[in-house]
């Protein structure tokens, strides 16, 4: 969606920027890894298809995505491509139980194995959750995670998401987090969000 096309989110260790066409070649290189596709339940795409996917993330009203940058590398180089670590996404839909509210399915990927386990994914996801609940009429977040992805399961449970469903045929666990005043207070205490104007240069 175009909500974030001019927004940069700045944390302590990561910077989130909109997914632009210039990011696609490196993203495509990441997704050539069968392991990464398995972890993210993604299909292999051609480079042309990857560009089409980037355009759909920008144009579609039910998708929100940021590229995750290493703040230290970005500060030193001012090079988004060199600083790329992964991405974080939301798929937004109407809540089946509360039609006036929306549910956002959250995803996080840190693509480089050497960048995992260092807190980048945690801060990136916290920034995304905080930004989304400020900008969209959401009632809850959810995450759908492969049963074998212990790292992601621990991550979302650390955000106070609760398991609500297991589907053995898809090997998938669904976690949910209602957006309550108490949880928003907890979220505010976890991360400082600074948003700046993003120039698409």
N, C-alpha and C. Protein backbone atom coordinates (compact mmCIF):
# COMPACT_ATOMS: atom_id res chain seq x y z
N UNK A 1 0.85 -1.19 0.00
CA UNK A 1 0.00 0.00 0.00
C UNK A 1 0.89 1.24 0.00
N UNK A 2 0.28 2.36 -0.38
CA UNK A 2 1.05 3.59 -0.51
C UNK A 2 1.17 4.35 0.82
N UNK A 3 0.57 3.83 1.87
CA UNK A 3 0.62 4.47 3.18
C UNK A 3 2.03 4.86 3.58
N UNK A 4 2.99 3.97 3.34
CA UNK A 4 4.35 4.18 3.85
C UNK A 4 5.36 4.58 2.78
N UNK A 5 4.89 4.98 1.59
CA UNK A 5 5.85 5.19 0.49
C UNK A 5 6.80 6.35 0.74
N UNK A 6 6.46 7.25 1.68
CA UNK A 6 7.35 8.37 1.99
C UNK A 6 7.76 8.34 3.47
N UNK A 7 7.78 7.15 4.06
CA UNK A 7 8.06 7.02 5.49
C UNK A 7 9.26 6.13 5.75
N UNK A 8 10.16 6.62 6.56
CA UNK A 8 11.31 5.86 7.04
C UNK A 8 11.16 5.72 8.55
N UNK A 9 11.25 4.48 9.07
CA UNK A 9 11.13 4.23 10.50
C UNK A 9 12.53 3.96 11.06
N UNK A 10 12.87 4.67 12.10
CA UNK A 10 14.23 4.62 12.63
C UNK A 10 14.22 4.09 14.06
N UNK A 11 14.92 2.99 14.26
CA UNK A 11 15.09 2.42 15.59
C UNK A 11 16.52 2.59 16.05
N UNK A 12 16.91 1.81 17.04
CA UNK A 12 18.27 1.87 17.54
C UNK A 12 19.25 1.10 16.65
N UNK A 13 18.82 -0.08 16.20
CA UNK A 13 19.72 -0.97 15.45
C UNK A 13 19.30 -1.17 14.01
N UNK A 14 18.04 -0.83 13.70
CA UNK A 14 17.54 -1.02 12.33
C UNK A 14 16.84 0.25 11.85
N UNK A 15 16.79 0.38 10.54
CA UNK A 15 16.02 1.41 9.86
C UNK A 15 15.11 0.69 8.86
N UNK A 16 13.83 1.06 8.85
CA UNK A 16 12.89 0.46 7.91
C UNK A 16 12.56 1.47 6.82
N UNK A 17 12.70 1.04 5.56
CA UNK A 17 12.40 1.90 4.41
C UNK A 17 11.42 1.18 3.49
N UNK A 18 10.64 1.93 2.70
CA UNK A 18 9.70 1.28 1.77
C UNK A 18 10.44 0.41 0.76
N UNK A 19 9.78 -0.65 0.34
CA UNK A 19 10.34 -1.57 -0.65
C UNK A 19 10.27 -0.95 -2.03
N UNK A 20 11.43 -0.60 -2.59
CA UNK A 20 11.52 0.06 -3.88
C UNK A 20 12.10 -0.89 -4.93
N UNK A 21 11.94 -0.52 -6.20
CA UNK A 21 12.44 -1.36 -7.29
C UNK A 21 13.95 -1.61 -7.17
N UNK A 22 14.69 -0.63 -6.65
CA UNK A 22 16.14 -0.80 -6.56
C UNK A 22 16.55 -1.90 -5.56
N UNK A 23 15.64 -2.26 -4.66
CA UNK A 23 15.93 -3.32 -3.69
C UNK A 23 15.73 -4.72 -4.27
N UNK A 24 15.03 -4.80 -5.41
CA UNK A 24 14.58 -6.11 -5.92
C UNK A 24 15.73 -7.06 -6.26
N UNK A 25 16.80 -6.63 -6.95
CA UNK A 25 17.84 -7.62 -7.29
C UNK A 25 18.43 -8.33 -6.06
N UNK A 26 18.71 -7.59 -5.00
CA UNK A 26 19.26 -8.24 -3.82
C UNK A 26 18.22 -9.13 -3.16
N UNK A 27 16.98 -8.67 -3.12
CA UNK A 27 15.90 -9.48 -2.55
C UNK A 27 15.75 -10.78 -3.34
N UNK A 28 15.81 -10.66 -4.67
CA UNK A 28 15.70 -11.84 -5.52
C UNK A 28 16.86 -12.81 -5.26
N UNK A 29 18.04 -12.27 -5.05
CA UNK A 29 19.21 -13.10 -4.74
C UNK A 29 18.98 -13.87 -3.43
N UNK A 30 18.44 -13.18 -2.43
CA UNK A 30 18.11 -13.86 -1.17
C UNK A 30 17.17 -15.04 -1.41
N UNK A 31 16.11 -14.77 -2.17
CA UNK A 31 15.04 -15.76 -2.32
C UNK A 31 15.41 -16.90 -3.27
N UNK A 32 16.63 -16.88 -3.81
CA UNK A 32 17.12 -18.03 -4.57
C UNK A 32 17.53 -19.16 -3.63
N UNK A 33 17.57 -18.89 -2.34
CA UNK A 33 17.94 -19.90 -1.34
C UNK A 33 16.73 -20.80 -1.02
N UNK A 34 16.84 -22.11 -1.30
CA UNK A 34 15.73 -23.01 -0.95
C UNK A 34 15.41 -22.99 0.55
N UNK A 35 16.43 -22.84 1.38
CA UNK A 35 16.20 -22.80 2.84
C UNK A 35 15.34 -21.61 3.22
N UNK A 36 15.67 -20.45 2.66
CA UNK A 36 14.91 -19.24 2.97
C UNK A 36 13.48 -19.33 2.44
N UNK A 37 13.33 -19.90 1.25
CA UNK A 37 11.97 -20.06 0.72
C UNK A 37 11.16 -21.00 1.59
N UNK A 38 11.79 -22.04 2.11
CA UNK A 38 11.10 -22.98 2.98
C UNK A 38 10.68 -22.31 4.29
N UNK A 39 11.58 -21.53 4.86
CA UNK A 39 11.28 -20.85 6.13
C UNK A 39 10.16 -19.84 5.98
N UNK A 40 10.06 -19.22 4.80
CA UNK A 40 9.08 -18.16 4.59
C UNK A 40 7.87 -18.64 3.78
N UNK A 41 7.83 -19.94 3.46
CA UNK A 41 6.74 -20.51 2.66
C UNK A 41 6.55 -19.72 1.36
N UNK A 42 7.67 -19.44 0.69
CA UNK A 42 7.65 -18.65 -0.54
C UNK A 42 7.94 -19.51 -1.76
N UNK A 43 7.40 -19.09 -2.89
CA UNK A 43 7.69 -19.75 -4.15
C UNK A 43 8.87 -19.07 -4.83
N UNK A 44 9.59 -19.85 -5.63
CA UNK A 44 10.70 -19.27 -6.39
C UNK A 44 10.13 -18.44 -7.55
N UNK A 45 10.61 -17.21 -7.69
CA UNK A 45 10.15 -16.32 -8.74
C UNK A 45 11.31 -15.94 -9.66
N UNK A 46 10.97 -15.63 -10.91
CA UNK A 46 11.98 -15.04 -11.79
C UNK A 46 12.21 -13.60 -11.35
N UNK A 47 13.28 -12.98 -11.84
CA UNK A 47 13.54 -11.59 -11.50
C UNK A 47 12.40 -10.69 -11.96
N UNK A 48 11.86 -10.96 -13.14
CA UNK A 48 10.74 -10.17 -13.64
C UNK A 48 9.53 -10.31 -12.72
N UNK A 49 9.26 -11.53 -12.27
CA UNK A 49 8.14 -11.75 -11.35
C UNK A 49 8.38 -11.05 -10.01
N UNK A 50 9.63 -10.99 -9.61
CA UNK A 50 9.97 -10.31 -8.35
C UNK A 50 9.67 -8.81 -8.46
N UNK A 51 9.98 -8.23 -9.62
CA UNK A 51 9.64 -6.82 -9.85
C UNK A 51 8.12 -6.62 -9.82
N UNK A 52 7.39 -7.54 -10.42
CA UNK A 52 5.92 -7.45 -10.39
C UNK A 52 5.41 -7.55 -8.95
N UNK A 53 6.02 -8.41 -8.15
CA UNK A 53 5.62 -8.55 -6.76
C UNK A 53 5.89 -7.26 -5.98
N UNK A 54 7.04 -6.65 -6.25
CA UNK A 54 7.35 -5.37 -5.58
C UNK A 54 6.29 -4.33 -5.92
N UNK A 55 5.88 -4.26 -7.18
CA UNK A 55 4.86 -3.29 -7.57
C UNK A 55 3.54 -3.58 -6.88
N UNK A 56 3.21 -4.87 -6.71
CA UNK A 56 1.94 -5.21 -6.05
C UNK A 56 1.99 -4.82 -4.57
N UNK A 57 3.16 -4.99 -3.94
CA UNK A 57 3.29 -4.55 -2.54
C UNK A 57 3.07 -3.05 -2.44
N UNK A 58 3.49 -2.29 -3.42
CA UNK A 58 3.32 -0.85 -3.40
C UNK A 58 1.87 -0.45 -3.66
N UNK A 59 1.23 -1.12 -4.61
CA UNK A 59 -0.08 -0.68 -5.08
C UNK A 59 -1.26 -1.28 -4.31
N UNK A 60 -1.15 -2.54 -3.90
CA UNK A 60 -2.29 -3.22 -3.29
C UNK A 60 -2.62 -2.61 -1.93
N UNK A 61 -3.91 -2.43 -1.66
CA UNK A 61 -4.33 -1.77 -0.42
C UNK A 61 -4.30 -2.69 0.79
N UNK A 62 -4.05 -3.98 0.58
CA UNK A 62 -4.07 -4.92 1.70
C UNK A 62 -2.67 -5.39 2.10
N UNK A 63 -1.62 -4.76 1.57
CA UNK A 63 -0.25 -5.17 1.87
C UNK A 63 0.57 -3.97 2.29
N UNK A 64 1.40 -4.17 3.32
CA UNK A 64 2.31 -3.14 3.80
C UNK A 64 3.67 -3.77 4.03
N UNK A 65 4.71 -3.20 3.46
CA UNK A 65 6.03 -3.81 3.60
C UNK A 65 7.12 -2.76 3.76
N UNK A 66 8.14 -3.12 4.53
CA UNK A 66 9.36 -2.33 4.69
C UNK A 66 10.55 -3.25 4.48
N UNK A 67 11.61 -2.69 3.91
CA UNK A 67 12.91 -3.35 3.88
C UNK A 67 13.64 -2.99 5.18
N UNK A 68 14.27 -4.00 5.80
CA UNK A 68 15.00 -3.80 7.05
C UNK A 68 16.47 -3.53 6.72
N UNK A 69 16.98 -2.42 7.21
CA UNK A 69 18.39 -2.05 7.03
C UNK A 69 19.12 -2.11 8.37
N UNK A 70 20.39 -2.46 8.32
CA UNK A 70 21.26 -2.34 9.48
C UNK A 70 21.57 -0.86 9.68
N UNK A 71 21.18 -0.31 10.83
CA UNK A 71 21.34 1.12 11.06
C UNK A 71 22.81 1.52 11.04
N UNK A 72 23.69 0.68 11.58
CA UNK A 72 25.11 1.01 11.63
C UNK A 72 25.71 1.08 10.23
N UNK A 73 25.42 0.05 9.42
CA UNK A 73 25.94 0.05 8.04
C UNK A 73 25.38 1.21 7.23
N UNK A 74 24.10 1.48 7.40
CA UNK A 74 23.46 2.56 6.66
C UNK A 74 24.04 3.92 7.04
N UNK A 75 24.32 4.11 8.33
CA UNK A 75 24.90 5.38 8.79
C UNK A 75 26.30 5.57 8.21
N UNK A 76 27.05 4.49 8.08
CA UNK A 76 28.42 4.58 7.58
C UNK A 76 28.47 4.78 6.07
N UNK A 77 27.57 4.12 5.34
CA UNK A 77 27.67 4.07 3.88
C UNK A 77 26.61 4.88 3.14
N UNK A 78 25.48 5.15 3.81
CA UNK A 78 24.31 5.76 3.15
C UNK A 78 23.88 4.94 1.93
N UNK A 79 24.13 3.64 1.99
CA UNK A 79 23.84 2.72 0.88
C UNK A 79 22.80 1.70 1.36
N UNK A 80 21.56 1.87 0.90
CA UNK A 80 20.50 0.97 1.34
C UNK A 80 20.77 -0.48 0.94
N UNK A 81 21.30 -0.68 -0.24
CA UNK A 81 21.51 -2.05 -0.72
C UNK A 81 22.55 -2.76 0.15
N UNK A 82 23.64 -2.09 0.45
CA UNK A 82 24.67 -2.69 1.31
C UNK A 82 24.15 -2.96 2.70
N UNK A 83 23.17 -2.15 3.16
CA UNK A 83 22.66 -2.27 4.53
C UNK A 83 21.49 -3.22 4.66
N UNK A 84 20.99 -3.78 3.55
CA UNK A 84 19.78 -4.63 3.61
C UNK A 84 20.01 -5.89 4.44
N UNK A 85 19.05 -6.14 5.33
CA UNK A 85 19.07 -7.34 6.17
C UNK A 85 17.90 -8.28 5.90
N UNK A 86 16.77 -7.73 5.49
CA UNK A 86 15.57 -8.55 5.32
C UNK A 86 14.37 -7.67 5.06
N UNK A 87 13.19 -8.17 5.40
CA UNK A 87 11.98 -7.38 5.24
C UNK A 87 10.96 -7.75 6.30
N UNK A 88 9.98 -6.86 6.47
CA UNK A 88 8.85 -7.12 7.35
C UNK A 88 7.58 -6.70 6.64
N UNK A 89 6.54 -7.53 6.75
CA UNK A 89 5.32 -7.35 5.97
C UNK A 89 4.08 -7.49 6.83
N UNK A 90 3.01 -6.85 6.37
CA UNK A 90 1.68 -7.06 6.93
C UNK A 90 0.70 -7.33 5.79
N UNK A 91 -0.16 -8.33 6.00
CA UNK A 91 -1.30 -8.57 5.12
C UNK A 91 -2.54 -8.16 5.92
N UNK A 92 -3.31 -7.21 5.40
CA UNK A 92 -4.43 -6.64 6.16
C UNK A 92 -5.75 -7.13 5.57
N UNK A 93 -6.67 -7.53 6.47
CA UNK A 93 -8.00 -7.98 6.03
C UNK A 93 -9.03 -7.59 7.08
N UNK A 94 -10.29 -7.60 6.68
CA UNK A 94 -11.36 -7.35 7.64
C UNK A 94 -11.45 -8.50 8.63
N UNK A 95 -11.73 -8.16 9.88
CA UNK A 95 -11.90 -9.17 10.93
C UNK A 95 -13.24 -9.87 10.72
N UNK A 96 -13.23 -11.19 10.66
CA UNK A 96 -14.47 -11.95 10.46
C UNK A 96 -15.45 -11.73 11.62
N UNK A 97 -14.91 -11.53 12.83
CA UNK A 97 -15.77 -11.37 14.00
C UNK A 97 -16.19 -9.93 14.25
N UNK A 98 -15.33 -8.98 13.85
CA UNK A 98 -15.60 -7.55 14.06
C UNK A 98 -15.39 -6.83 12.73
N UNK A 99 -16.42 -6.81 11.85
CA UNK A 99 -16.23 -6.29 10.49
C UNK A 99 -15.76 -4.85 10.41
N UNK A 100 -15.96 -4.07 11.47
CA UNK A 100 -15.51 -2.67 11.45
C UNK A 100 -14.03 -2.54 11.79
N UNK A 101 -13.42 -3.65 12.18
CA UNK A 101 -12.00 -3.65 12.49
C UNK A 101 -11.24 -4.54 11.52
N UNK A 102 -9.91 -4.39 11.56
CA UNK A 102 -9.06 -5.14 10.65
C UNK A 102 -8.03 -5.96 11.42
N UNK A 103 -7.61 -7.05 10.77
CA UNK A 103 -6.57 -7.92 11.29
C UNK A 103 -5.36 -7.78 10.38
N UNK A 104 -4.18 -7.72 10.97
CA UNK A 104 -2.95 -7.65 10.19
C UNK A 104 -2.11 -8.88 10.48
N UNK A 105 -1.84 -9.67 9.44
CA UNK A 105 -0.95 -10.82 9.57
C UNK A 105 0.48 -10.35 9.38
N UNK A 106 1.31 -10.58 10.40
CA UNK A 106 2.67 -10.03 10.44
C UNK A 106 3.70 -11.07 10.03
N UNK A 107 4.71 -10.61 9.29
CA UNK A 107 5.83 -11.47 8.89
C UNK A 107 7.14 -10.71 9.07
N UNK A 108 8.18 -11.44 9.40
CA UNK A 108 9.52 -10.86 9.49
C UNK A 108 10.51 -11.86 8.90
N UNK A 109 11.46 -11.35 8.12
CA UNK A 109 12.52 -12.19 7.58
C UNK A 109 13.85 -11.46 7.70
N UNK A 110 14.82 -12.08 8.37
CA UNK A 110 16.20 -11.63 8.33
C UNK A 110 16.92 -12.62 7.43
N UNK A 111 17.33 -12.14 6.26
CA UNK A 111 17.77 -13.05 5.20
C UNK A 111 19.18 -13.59 5.42
N UNK A 112 20.08 -12.75 5.90
CA UNK A 112 21.47 -13.17 6.03
C UNK A 112 21.65 -13.99 7.30
N UNK A 113 22.13 -15.24 7.18
CA UNK A 113 22.32 -16.07 8.38
C UNK A 113 23.20 -15.40 9.44
N UNK A 114 24.21 -14.67 8.99
CA UNK A 114 25.13 -14.03 9.95
C UNK A 114 24.47 -12.87 10.70
N UNK A 115 23.33 -12.39 10.20
CA UNK A 115 22.63 -11.28 10.86
C UNK A 115 21.55 -11.76 11.82
N UNK A 116 21.30 -13.06 11.84
CA UNK A 116 20.24 -13.59 12.71
C UNK A 116 20.74 -13.74 14.14
N UNK A 117 19.79 -13.68 15.06
CA UNK A 117 20.12 -13.86 16.47
C UNK A 117 20.79 -12.65 17.10
N UNK A 118 20.71 -11.51 16.45
CA UNK A 118 21.36 -10.30 16.96
C UNK A 118 20.37 -9.20 17.35
N UNK A 119 19.09 -9.53 17.31
CA UNK A 119 18.08 -8.57 17.73
C UNK A 119 17.51 -7.69 16.62
N UNK A 120 18.02 -7.85 15.39
CA UNK A 120 17.51 -7.03 14.29
C UNK A 120 16.03 -7.33 14.00
N UNK A 121 15.71 -8.62 13.93
CA UNK A 121 14.34 -9.00 13.62
C UNK A 121 13.37 -8.55 14.68
N UNK A 122 13.77 -8.66 15.94
CA UNK A 122 12.89 -8.24 17.04
C UNK A 122 12.57 -6.75 16.95
N UNK A 123 13.61 -5.92 16.79
CA UNK A 123 13.35 -4.49 16.73
C UNK A 123 12.55 -4.12 15.48
N UNK A 124 12.87 -4.73 14.34
CA UNK A 124 12.14 -4.43 13.11
C UNK A 124 10.66 -4.75 13.25
N UNK A 125 10.35 -5.90 13.86
CA UNK A 125 8.95 -6.29 14.01
C UNK A 125 8.23 -5.38 14.99
N UNK A 126 8.92 -5.00 16.07
CA UNK A 126 8.31 -4.08 17.04
C UNK A 126 8.01 -2.73 16.39
N UNK A 127 8.93 -2.23 15.56
CA UNK A 127 8.69 -0.97 14.86
C UNK A 127 7.48 -1.09 13.92
N UNK A 128 7.40 -2.20 13.20
CA UNK A 128 6.28 -2.42 12.29
C UNK A 128 4.95 -2.49 13.05
N UNK A 129 4.92 -3.24 14.15
CA UNK A 129 3.69 -3.35 14.93
C UNK A 129 3.25 -1.99 15.46
N UNK A 130 4.20 -1.23 15.97
CA UNK A 130 3.87 0.08 16.52
C UNK A 130 3.37 1.03 15.44
N UNK A 131 4.06 1.06 14.31
CA UNK A 131 3.65 1.92 13.20
C UNK A 131 2.25 1.53 12.71
N UNK A 132 2.01 0.24 12.53
CA UNK A 132 0.74 -0.22 11.97
C UNK A 132 -0.43 0.11 12.89
N UNK A 133 -0.25 -0.09 14.20
CA UNK A 133 -1.38 0.17 15.09
C UNK A 133 -1.67 1.67 15.18
N UNK A 134 -0.67 2.50 14.89
CA UNK A 134 -0.89 3.95 14.87
C UNK A 134 -1.59 4.41 13.59
N UNK A 135 -1.35 3.71 12.48
CA UNK A 135 -1.78 4.18 11.17
C UNK A 135 -3.02 3.49 10.61
N UNK A 136 -3.36 2.30 11.13
CA UNK A 136 -4.45 1.50 10.57
C UNK A 136 -5.48 1.16 11.64
N UNK A 137 -6.76 0.98 11.27
CA UNK A 137 -7.81 0.66 12.24
C UNK A 137 -7.81 -0.83 12.60
N UNK A 138 -6.78 -1.25 13.30
CA UNK A 138 -6.58 -2.67 13.60
C UNK A 138 -7.16 -3.05 14.96
N UNK A 139 -7.72 -4.27 14.99
CA UNK A 139 -8.18 -4.83 16.26
C UNK A 139 -7.24 -5.88 16.80
N UNK A 140 -6.49 -6.51 15.89
CA UNK A 140 -5.53 -7.52 16.35
C UNK A 140 -4.50 -7.79 15.26
N UNK A 141 -3.40 -8.37 15.72
CA UNK A 141 -2.36 -8.90 14.84
C UNK A 141 -2.40 -10.41 14.89
N UNK A 142 -1.93 -11.05 13.82
CA UNK A 142 -1.76 -12.49 13.85
C UNK A 142 -0.48 -12.85 13.10
N UNK A 143 0.01 -14.05 13.38
CA UNK A 143 1.19 -14.57 12.68
C UNK A 143 0.95 -16.04 12.39
N UNK A 144 1.28 -16.46 11.16
CA UNK A 144 1.17 -17.86 10.76
C UNK A 144 2.58 -18.36 10.50
N UNK A 145 3.00 -19.36 11.28
CA UNK A 145 4.40 -19.76 11.32
C UNK A 145 4.51 -21.27 11.16
N UNK A 146 5.50 -21.71 10.39
CA UNK A 146 5.77 -23.14 10.24
C UNK A 146 6.08 -23.75 11.61
N UNK A 147 5.54 -24.93 11.87
CA UNK A 147 5.72 -25.58 13.17
C UNK A 147 7.18 -25.79 13.54
N UNK A 148 8.04 -25.93 12.52
CA UNK A 148 9.46 -26.18 12.79
C UNK A 148 10.27 -24.90 12.97
N UNK A 149 9.64 -23.74 12.77
CA UNK A 149 10.36 -22.46 12.86
C UNK A 149 10.34 -21.98 14.31
N UNK A 150 11.16 -22.62 15.12
CA UNK A 150 11.16 -22.34 16.56
C UNK A 150 11.56 -20.90 16.87
N UNK A 151 12.47 -20.35 16.07
CA UNK A 151 12.93 -18.97 16.31
C UNK A 151 11.78 -17.98 16.17
N UNK A 152 11.00 -18.11 15.08
CA UNK A 152 9.88 -17.20 14.87
C UNK A 152 8.78 -17.41 15.91
N UNK A 153 8.54 -18.65 16.28
CA UNK A 153 7.53 -18.92 17.31
C UNK A 153 7.91 -18.24 18.63
N UNK A 154 9.18 -18.37 19.02
CA UNK A 154 9.64 -17.72 20.25
C UNK A 154 9.54 -16.20 20.14
N UNK A 155 9.88 -15.68 18.96
CA UNK A 155 9.84 -14.24 18.76
C UNK A 155 8.44 -13.69 18.99
N UNK A 156 7.45 -14.27 18.33
CA UNK A 156 6.10 -13.74 18.45
C UNK A 156 5.50 -14.00 19.83
N UNK A 157 5.86 -15.09 20.45
CA UNK A 157 5.40 -15.31 21.82
C UNK A 157 6.02 -14.28 22.77
N UNK A 158 7.23 -13.82 22.45
CA UNK A 158 7.84 -12.77 23.27
C UNK A 158 7.11 -11.43 23.10
N UNK A 159 6.34 -11.29 22.03
CA UNK A 159 5.51 -10.10 21.82
C UNK A 159 4.12 -10.28 22.45
N UNK A 160 3.95 -11.33 23.24
CA UNK A 160 2.69 -11.64 23.92
C UNK A 160 1.60 -12.08 22.94
N UNK A 161 2.01 -12.68 21.81
CA UNK A 161 1.06 -13.36 20.93
C UNK A 161 0.72 -14.71 21.57
N UNK A 162 -0.51 -15.15 21.37
CA UNK A 162 -0.96 -16.42 21.93
C UNK A 162 -1.33 -17.39 20.81
N UNK A 163 -0.98 -18.65 20.98
CA UNK A 163 -1.34 -19.67 20.00
C UNK A 163 -2.84 -19.91 20.03
N UNK A 164 -3.47 -19.87 18.85
CA UNK A 164 -4.92 -20.09 18.76
C UNK A 164 -5.28 -21.27 17.87
N UNK A 165 -4.32 -21.75 17.05
CA UNK A 165 -4.68 -22.80 16.09
C UNK A 165 -3.43 -23.50 15.58
N UNK A 166 -3.54 -24.80 15.38
CA UNK A 166 -2.52 -25.59 14.70
C UNK A 166 -3.19 -26.36 13.57
N UNK A 167 -2.62 -26.27 12.38
CA UNK A 167 -3.17 -26.98 11.23
C UNK A 167 -2.08 -27.94 10.75
N UNK A 168 -2.25 -29.20 11.09
CA UNK A 168 -1.22 -30.19 10.79
C UNK A 168 -0.99 -30.35 9.29
N UNK A 169 -2.06 -30.26 8.50
CA UNK A 169 -1.92 -30.50 7.06
C UNK A 169 -1.04 -29.43 6.42
N UNK A 170 -1.05 -28.19 6.97
CA UNK A 170 -0.20 -27.11 6.47
C UNK A 170 1.07 -26.96 7.32
N UNK A 171 1.18 -27.77 8.38
CA UNK A 171 2.35 -27.70 9.27
C UNK A 171 2.51 -26.27 9.80
N UNK A 172 1.38 -25.67 10.24
CA UNK A 172 1.35 -24.25 10.53
C UNK A 172 0.70 -23.97 11.88
N UNK A 173 1.28 -23.00 12.59
CA UNK A 173 0.75 -22.53 13.86
C UNK A 173 0.27 -21.09 13.65
N UNK A 174 -0.93 -20.76 14.15
CA UNK A 174 -1.44 -19.40 14.11
C UNK A 174 -1.40 -18.80 15.51
N UNK A 175 -0.78 -17.63 15.62
CA UNK A 175 -0.71 -16.89 16.87
C UNK A 175 -1.46 -15.58 16.69
N UNK A 176 -2.08 -15.08 17.78
CA UNK A 176 -2.82 -13.82 17.71
C UNK A 176 -2.45 -12.93 18.89
N UNK A 177 -2.61 -11.63 18.65
CA UNK A 177 -2.43 -10.65 19.72
C UNK A 177 -3.49 -9.57 19.57
N UNK A 178 -4.45 -9.54 20.52
CA UNK A 178 -5.44 -8.46 20.54
C UNK A 178 -4.74 -7.16 20.91
N UNK A 179 -5.17 -6.09 20.25
CA UNK A 179 -4.58 -4.78 20.53
C UNK A 179 -5.39 -4.14 21.66
N UNK A 180 -4.85 -4.18 22.86
CA UNK A 180 -5.49 -3.63 24.05
C UNK A 180 -4.66 -2.47 24.59
N UNK A 181 -5.24 -1.69 25.48
CA UNK A 181 -4.50 -0.57 26.08
C UNK A 181 -3.28 -1.08 26.84
N UNK A 182 -3.45 -2.18 27.56
CA UNK A 182 -2.32 -2.73 28.32
C UNK A 182 -1.19 -3.16 27.39
N UNK A 183 -1.56 -3.81 26.27
CA UNK A 183 -0.52 -4.27 25.35
C UNK A 183 0.16 -3.10 24.66
N UNK A 184 -0.60 -2.04 24.33
CA UNK A 184 0.01 -0.86 23.71
C UNK A 184 0.99 -0.19 24.67
N UNK A 185 0.67 -0.19 25.96
CA UNK A 185 1.60 0.35 26.95
C UNK A 185 2.88 -0.49 26.98
N UNK A 186 2.71 -1.81 26.91
CA UNK A 186 3.87 -2.70 26.86
C UNK A 186 4.70 -2.42 25.61
N UNK A 187 4.02 -2.27 24.46
CA UNK A 187 4.71 -2.02 23.20
C UNK A 187 5.49 -0.70 23.26
N UNK A 188 4.88 0.33 23.82
CA UNK A 188 5.55 1.62 23.94
C UNK A 188 6.84 1.52 24.75
N UNK A 189 6.82 0.62 25.73
CA UNK A 189 8.00 0.47 26.58
C UNK A 189 9.12 -0.32 25.90
N UNK A 190 8.79 -1.04 24.82
CA UNK A 190 9.77 -1.90 24.16
C UNK A 190 10.63 -1.18 23.15
N UNK A 191 10.07 -0.18 22.47
CA UNK A 191 10.77 0.38 21.32
C UNK A 191 10.42 1.85 21.16
N UNK A 192 11.42 2.63 20.80
CA UNK A 192 11.23 4.04 20.47
C UNK A 192 11.12 4.16 18.94
N UNK A 193 9.98 4.65 18.48
CA UNK A 193 9.73 4.78 17.04
C UNK A 193 9.92 6.22 16.61
N UNK A 194 10.77 6.42 15.63
CA UNK A 194 10.95 7.75 15.04
C UNK A 194 10.71 7.63 13.54
N UNK A 195 9.77 8.38 13.04
CA UNK A 195 9.44 8.34 11.62
C UNK A 195 9.97 9.61 10.96
N UNK A 196 10.57 9.47 9.79
CA UNK A 196 11.07 10.60 9.03
C UNK A 196 10.56 10.53 7.61
N UNK A 197 10.59 11.68 6.95
CA UNK A 197 10.23 11.73 5.52
C UNK A 197 11.25 10.90 4.74
N UNK A 198 10.74 10.05 3.86
CA UNK A 198 11.60 9.20 3.04
C UNK A 198 11.62 9.73 1.62
N UNK A 199 12.80 10.01 1.11
CA UNK A 199 12.95 10.51 -0.26
C UNK A 199 13.30 9.35 -1.18
N UNK A 200 12.51 9.15 -2.19
CA UNK A 200 12.69 8.00 -3.11
C UNK A 200 13.76 8.33 -4.15
N UNK A 201 14.93 8.65 -3.70
CA UNK A 201 15.99 9.03 -4.65
C UNK A 201 16.92 7.86 -4.91
